[in-house]
C-alpha cells in the first residue's frame, strides 16, 4: 500500500506519471527535493510535496541494483543500474539506455553514482570503479577485507568514496578528504549505504540493523537500531543542509529522522519486489 498517499496499490507506468494526493501528513519539517524509492523489479516511485510519480522501465528482465539522481541535468532524470550491466535513464520523456558495463559472475555490480551523465560511475563488488562504458576509473591496489557496498559522489568536489560492507572507507579518483571509518569496530550488521555532506566535510554510514554512524561534520539525528526487526535497513538520504535524513527499509517503509518531513512509503510492493535504494 502507498502509506499516507494512496489507499490502494497502484499500477506502475512505462513513463513517469504524476498523481496529486490530498492526505499527505503536513508538518513544518523540510521535504527537500522529496525522495525516490527504487525496487528490485525496476519500479521507481518519486515522493514529493503532495504528489507521487510512478515509473517502470519497459521490458526489463534483469534485477535493479541501484540508482543515482542527475541533480545537475535538466528536468527530472535518474540513472538506474541493472544486474546485467544495463544503465537506463528515466526522465519525463520516458526510459532510454545510456550505457552498458560487463557483468562478471564472480564480481557482481553493486552500486552506481554521479550527478551528471558524463560522470556516472559504477562499482563492482571488489571495489573496482568504471564509467558508463566500462572503462576503469579506479581499481583496488590490494584486495579489500570485505566487499564494496556503496559508492558516493559529491556534486561539489571531484572524487568518490568507496564504502565497504565491513565499514572501511576509501577516497579515490579525486581530492575528497578521509574522515574515518568503522573498519576496526565490531558491527551489529554490515554497512549497506552511505551519504556525503553537501560541503564534503563529512559522511554518514548506514548499517543493515538501522544503525547510523557519523564522521566529520555529519550530524547525528537518531537511528533505527533496536527499532526495526532483523537487518532490513537498505538506504539513507540526508537533507541538503544535513538537518535530517530518511532511512529506507527493504519492505519499502521510509522513516524520517531529524528535520525531514515524512512524505510516504510504498509498503508491500504489488509484485512483491524488495526496496533497493533511496535517492
Foldseek 3Di string as FASTA:
>chain_A
DWPQFDPDADDAAQAKDKDFGDRWDDDPFDCFQFKWWAFQQGWIWTFGDRMIIIHHHPPDPFTWQEKEWQQPDPATWMWIATFQFWIWIHGNVGIDTDAGEHADPVWTWHEWYDNHLQAIWTAIFQGFIAHRHHHTQDDDPDTDPATWAYWEDAPVFDWIWTAGQLWDIDTDNGDQDDFDTCNVPDDPATWHYKYAANVSQWIWIAGLQFDIDITGPQDDFDTCRVPDPDSFWAEKAARNRNQWIWIAGQQFDIDTTGRHRDRTTDGQRPVRTTIHYMD
